[in-house]
């Protein structure tokens, strides 16, 4: 009988842990993060800037969300690469590039 009641909290914690892992997957696999010298021959699409949203429960999640918004905007521009110009816990800026496949 005791085993029945101790299994539920363990399962709940495991479920929460597994759902948190989804935050670490790369949701933009076609977008490469690189250095400026490696995209010198590529088309510049623009500079993208975002700030962190204070609605998140943690500074880590606010930063991840902010960086993903930069990546999403780069994808909307048709970027294949981004170069981070500035990243802190509260703001991020990146240059978006479109590079032709070799």
N, C-alpha and C. Protein backbone atom coordinates (compact mmCIF):
# COMPACT_ATOMS: atom_id res chain seq x y z
N UNK A 1 0.82 -1.19 0.00
CA UNK A 1 0.00 0.00 0.00
C UNK A 1 0.87 1.26 0.00
N UNK A 2 1.97 1.25 0.74
CA UNK A 2 2.85 2.41 0.81
C UNK A 2 3.49 2.66 -0.55
N UNK A 3 3.84 1.62 -1.27
CA UNK A 3 4.46 1.76 -2.57
C UNK A 3 3.55 2.51 -3.55
N UNK A 4 2.27 2.28 -3.46
CA UNK A 4 1.30 2.91 -4.35
C UNK A 4 1.33 4.44 -4.22
N UNK A 5 1.46 4.94 -3.01
CA UNK A 5 1.43 6.38 -2.78
C UNK A 5 2.78 7.05 -3.01
N UNK A 6 3.86 6.30 -2.95
CA UNK A 6 5.18 6.90 -3.19
C UNK A 6 5.52 6.92 -4.67
N UNK A 7 4.86 6.12 -5.46
CA UNK A 7 5.14 6.07 -6.89
C UNK A 7 4.59 7.31 -7.62
N UNK A 8 3.47 7.82 -7.20
CA UNK A 8 2.86 8.97 -7.86
C UNK A 8 3.77 10.20 -7.82
N UNK A 9 4.33 10.60 -6.69
CA UNK A 9 5.23 11.75 -6.68
C UNK A 9 6.48 11.54 -7.53
N UNK A 10 6.99 10.32 -7.53
CA UNK A 10 8.18 10.01 -8.35
C UNK A 10 7.84 10.16 -9.83
N UNK A 11 6.70 9.66 -10.24
CA UNK A 11 6.28 9.78 -11.63
C UNK A 11 6.06 11.25 -12.01
N UNK A 12 5.49 12.01 -11.09
CA UNK A 12 5.25 13.43 -11.35
C UNK A 12 6.56 14.17 -11.55
N UNK A 13 7.54 13.93 -10.69
CA UNK A 13 8.84 14.57 -10.81
C UNK A 13 9.53 14.16 -12.11
N UNK A 14 9.44 12.90 -12.48
CA UNK A 14 10.03 12.42 -13.72
C UNK A 14 9.39 13.09 -14.93
N UNK A 15 8.08 13.25 -14.91
CA UNK A 15 7.38 13.91 -16.00
C UNK A 15 7.81 15.37 -16.14
N UNK A 16 7.92 16.06 -15.03
CA UNK A 16 8.38 17.46 -15.05
C UNK A 16 9.80 17.54 -15.60
N UNK A 17 10.66 16.65 -15.17
CA UNK A 17 12.06 16.66 -15.63
C UNK A 17 12.14 16.41 -17.13
N UNK A 18 11.36 15.47 -17.62
CA UNK A 18 11.39 15.17 -19.05
C UNK A 18 10.82 16.30 -19.89
N UNK A 19 9.80 16.97 -19.41
CA UNK A 19 9.23 18.07 -20.17
C UNK A 19 10.19 19.25 -20.20
N UNK A 20 10.99 19.42 -19.17
CA UNK A 20 11.98 20.48 -19.15
C UNK A 20 13.08 20.26 -20.16
N UNK A 21 13.38 19.02 -20.49
CA UNK A 21 14.42 18.72 -21.48
C UNK A 21 14.06 19.23 -22.86
N UNK A 22 12.80 19.41 -23.13
CA UNK A 22 12.39 19.93 -24.44
C UNK A 22 12.92 21.34 -24.66
N UNK A 23 13.21 22.06 -23.60
CA UNK A 23 13.75 23.41 -23.73
C UNK A 23 15.16 23.41 -24.30
N UNK A 24 15.87 22.29 -24.24
CA UNK A 24 17.25 22.23 -24.66
C UNK A 24 17.43 21.78 -26.11
N UNK A 25 16.38 21.36 -26.74
CA UNK A 25 16.52 20.89 -28.12
C UNK A 25 16.69 22.08 -29.06
N UNK A 26 17.34 21.84 -30.17
CA UNK A 26 17.57 22.89 -31.16
C UNK A 26 16.34 22.99 -32.05
N UNK A 27 15.57 24.05 -31.90
CA UNK A 27 14.34 24.20 -32.67
C UNK A 27 14.61 24.89 -34.01
N UNK A 28 15.85 25.29 -34.25
CA UNK A 28 16.22 25.93 -35.52
C UNK A 28 17.46 25.24 -36.09
N UNK A 29 17.34 23.96 -36.46
CA UNK A 29 18.52 23.22 -36.92
C UNK A 29 19.10 23.75 -38.24
N UNK A 30 18.30 24.45 -39.04
CA UNK A 30 18.78 24.96 -40.32
C UNK A 30 19.47 26.31 -40.18
N UNK A 31 19.51 26.87 -38.97
CA UNK A 31 20.15 28.15 -38.71
C UNK A 31 21.47 27.90 -37.98
N UNK A 32 22.57 28.35 -38.60
CA UNK A 32 23.89 28.12 -38.03
C UNK A 32 24.37 29.37 -37.30
N UNK A 33 24.91 29.18 -36.11
CA UNK A 33 25.53 30.26 -35.38
C UNK A 33 27.02 30.20 -35.66
N UNK A 34 27.60 31.30 -36.10
CA UNK A 34 28.97 31.28 -36.57
C UNK A 34 29.70 32.57 -36.22
N UNK A 35 30.90 32.71 -36.75
CA UNK A 35 31.72 33.91 -36.55
C UNK A 35 31.65 34.78 -37.79
N UNK A 36 31.85 36.07 -37.60
CA UNK A 36 31.73 37.03 -38.71
C UNK A 36 32.70 36.72 -39.86
N UNK A 37 33.89 36.29 -39.55
CA UNK A 37 34.87 36.03 -40.61
C UNK A 37 34.44 34.89 -41.53
N UNK A 38 33.58 34.01 -41.05
CA UNK A 38 33.15 32.86 -41.86
C UNK A 38 31.96 33.17 -42.77
N UNK A 39 31.34 34.34 -42.60
CA UNK A 39 30.20 34.72 -43.44
C UNK A 39 30.48 36.01 -44.21
N UNK A 40 31.75 36.31 -44.41
CA UNK A 40 32.13 37.55 -45.09
C UNK A 40 31.60 37.63 -46.51
N UNK A 41 31.46 36.50 -47.19
CA UNK A 41 30.98 36.48 -48.58
C UNK A 41 29.48 36.26 -48.69
N UNK A 42 28.78 36.27 -47.59
CA UNK A 42 27.34 36.02 -47.59
C UNK A 42 26.55 37.33 -47.63
N UNK A 43 25.28 37.21 -47.99
CA UNK A 43 24.40 38.37 -48.05
C UNK A 43 23.94 38.75 -46.65
N UNK A 44 24.14 40.02 -46.29
CA UNK A 44 23.67 40.51 -44.99
C UNK A 44 22.18 40.82 -45.08
N UNK A 45 21.44 40.32 -44.12
CA UNK A 45 19.99 40.52 -44.12
C UNK A 45 19.54 41.56 -43.11
N UNK A 46 20.33 41.82 -42.10
CA UNK A 46 19.95 42.82 -41.12
C UNK A 46 20.39 42.46 -39.72
N UNK A 47 20.24 43.43 -38.83
CA UNK A 47 20.56 43.25 -37.42
C UNK A 47 19.25 43.03 -36.67
N UNK A 48 19.26 42.07 -35.78
CA UNK A 48 18.07 41.72 -35.00
C UNK A 48 18.39 41.92 -33.53
N UNK A 49 17.53 42.64 -32.83
CA UNK A 49 17.73 42.88 -31.40
C UNK A 49 16.47 42.52 -30.64
N UNK A 50 16.63 41.96 -29.47
CA UNK A 50 15.53 41.59 -28.59
C UNK A 50 15.92 41.86 -27.15
N UNK A 51 14.93 42.02 -26.31
CA UNK A 51 15.16 42.14 -24.87
C UNK A 51 14.42 41.02 -24.16
N UNK A 52 14.88 40.72 -22.95
CA UNK A 52 14.29 39.64 -22.17
C UNK A 52 12.91 40.04 -21.66
N UNK A 53 12.04 39.07 -21.56
CA UNK A 53 10.69 39.27 -21.07
C UNK A 53 10.66 38.93 -19.58
N UNK A 54 10.26 39.87 -18.75
CA UNK A 54 10.25 39.67 -17.30
C UNK A 54 9.16 38.72 -16.83
N UNK A 55 8.30 38.25 -17.73
CA UNK A 55 7.21 37.35 -17.35
C UNK A 55 7.68 35.93 -17.04
N UNK A 56 8.91 35.58 -17.39
CA UNK A 56 9.40 34.22 -17.15
C UNK A 56 9.74 34.02 -15.68
N UNK A 57 9.67 32.79 -15.24
CA UNK A 57 9.93 32.46 -13.85
C UNK A 57 11.40 32.53 -13.48
N UNK A 58 12.27 32.38 -14.46
CA UNK A 58 13.71 32.41 -14.16
C UNK A 58 14.44 33.25 -15.20
N UNK A 59 15.59 33.77 -14.79
CA UNK A 59 16.42 34.54 -15.72
C UNK A 59 16.90 33.67 -16.86
N UNK A 60 17.18 32.39 -16.56
CA UNK A 60 17.62 31.46 -17.59
C UNK A 60 16.57 31.30 -18.69
N UNK A 61 15.33 31.08 -18.28
CA UNK A 61 14.26 30.89 -19.26
C UNK A 61 13.99 32.19 -20.04
N UNK A 62 14.10 33.34 -19.38
CA UNK A 62 13.92 34.61 -20.07
C UNK A 62 14.99 34.79 -21.14
N UNK A 63 16.23 34.41 -20.82
CA UNK A 63 17.31 34.54 -21.80
C UNK A 63 17.12 33.57 -22.96
N UNK A 64 16.77 32.33 -22.66
CA UNK A 64 16.54 31.35 -23.73
C UNK A 64 15.43 31.80 -24.66
N UNK A 65 14.35 32.31 -24.11
CA UNK A 65 13.24 32.79 -24.90
C UNK A 65 13.66 33.97 -25.77
N UNK A 66 14.42 34.89 -25.21
CA UNK A 66 14.91 36.05 -25.96
C UNK A 66 15.80 35.61 -27.12
N UNK A 67 16.72 34.70 -26.87
CA UNK A 67 17.60 34.21 -27.93
C UNK A 67 16.82 33.48 -29.01
N UNK A 68 15.80 32.72 -28.61
CA UNK A 68 14.97 32.03 -29.60
C UNK A 68 14.15 33.01 -30.44
N UNK A 69 13.74 34.13 -29.86
CA UNK A 69 13.04 35.15 -30.65
C UNK A 69 13.97 35.76 -31.69
N UNK A 70 15.24 35.95 -31.35
CA UNK A 70 16.22 36.42 -32.33
C UNK A 70 16.36 35.40 -33.45
N UNK A 71 16.48 34.13 -33.09
CA UNK A 71 16.60 33.07 -34.11
C UNK A 71 15.36 33.01 -34.99
N UNK A 72 14.18 33.13 -34.39
CA UNK A 72 12.93 33.08 -35.15
C UNK A 72 12.86 34.23 -36.16
N UNK A 73 13.22 35.42 -35.72
CA UNK A 73 13.20 36.58 -36.62
C UNK A 73 14.22 36.41 -37.75
N UNK A 74 15.37 35.82 -37.44
CA UNK A 74 16.37 35.55 -38.48
C UNK A 74 15.81 34.57 -39.51
N UNK A 75 15.13 33.55 -39.04
CA UNK A 75 14.52 32.58 -39.97
C UNK A 75 13.47 33.25 -40.84
N UNK A 76 12.70 34.16 -40.28
CA UNK A 76 11.68 34.88 -41.06
C UNK A 76 12.32 35.73 -42.15
N UNK A 77 13.54 36.20 -41.93
CA UNK A 77 14.26 36.97 -42.95
C UNK A 77 14.88 36.07 -44.02
N UNK A 78 14.87 34.77 -43.77
CA UNK A 78 15.49 33.83 -44.71
C UNK A 78 16.95 33.56 -44.42
N UNK A 79 17.38 33.81 -43.20
CA UNK A 79 18.78 33.63 -42.83
C UNK A 79 19.18 32.17 -42.76
N UNK A 80 20.42 31.91 -43.10
CA UNK A 80 21.02 30.59 -42.92
C UNK A 80 22.03 30.61 -41.78
N UNK A 81 22.50 31.81 -41.45
CA UNK A 81 23.53 31.97 -40.41
C UNK A 81 23.23 33.22 -39.58
N UNK A 82 23.64 33.19 -38.32
CA UNK A 82 23.63 34.40 -37.50
C UNK A 82 24.97 34.51 -36.78
N UNK A 83 25.35 35.76 -36.55
CA UNK A 83 26.54 36.07 -35.76
C UNK A 83 26.06 36.88 -34.57
N UNK A 84 26.28 36.37 -33.38
CA UNK A 84 25.88 37.10 -32.18
C UNK A 84 26.81 38.29 -32.00
N UNK A 85 26.22 39.48 -31.90
CA UNK A 85 26.99 40.69 -31.67
C UNK A 85 27.02 41.05 -30.19
N UNK A 86 25.96 40.66 -29.49
CA UNK A 86 25.81 41.05 -28.09
C UNK A 86 24.81 40.10 -27.43
N UNK A 87 25.17 39.55 -26.28
CA UNK A 87 24.24 38.71 -25.51
C UNK A 87 24.49 38.90 -24.03
N UNK A 88 23.46 39.31 -23.33
CA UNK A 88 23.49 39.37 -21.87
C UNK A 88 22.21 38.71 -21.37
N UNK A 89 21.97 38.77 -20.08
CA UNK A 89 20.74 38.20 -19.54
C UNK A 89 19.51 39.02 -19.90
N UNK A 90 19.71 40.28 -20.31
CA UNK A 90 18.56 41.15 -20.57
C UNK A 90 18.42 41.60 -22.02
N UNK A 91 19.44 41.41 -22.85
CA UNK A 91 19.32 41.83 -24.26
C UNK A 91 20.25 40.99 -25.14
N UNK A 92 19.88 40.92 -26.41
CA UNK A 92 20.67 40.16 -27.39
C UNK A 92 20.54 40.82 -28.75
N UNK A 93 21.65 40.81 -29.50
CA UNK A 93 21.68 41.37 -30.85
C UNK A 93 22.47 40.41 -31.73
N UNK A 94 21.97 40.17 -32.93
CA UNK A 94 22.66 39.30 -33.87
C UNK A 94 22.54 39.85 -35.28
N UNK A 95 23.53 39.57 -36.11
CA UNK A 95 23.51 39.91 -37.53
C UNK A 95 23.06 38.66 -38.27
N UNK A 96 22.08 38.82 -39.15
CA UNK A 96 21.57 37.68 -39.93
C UNK A 96 22.18 37.67 -41.32
N UNK A 97 22.52 36.49 -41.82
CA UNK A 97 23.14 36.32 -43.14
C UNK A 97 22.44 35.20 -43.91
N UNK A 98 22.44 35.32 -45.22
CA UNK A 98 22.01 34.23 -46.09
C UNK A 98 23.23 33.82 -46.91
N UNK A 99 23.64 32.58 -46.77
CA UNK A 99 24.81 32.06 -47.49
C UNK A 99 24.34 31.02 -48.49
N UNK A 100 24.91 31.07 -49.67
CA UNK A 100 24.60 30.08 -50.70
C UNK A 100 25.31 28.77 -50.36
N UNK A 101 24.65 27.67 -50.64
CA UNK A 101 25.26 26.35 -50.38
C UNK A 101 26.39 26.13 -51.38
N UNK A 102 27.46 25.50 -50.89
CA UNK A 102 28.61 25.22 -51.77
C UNK A 102 28.34 24.06 -52.68
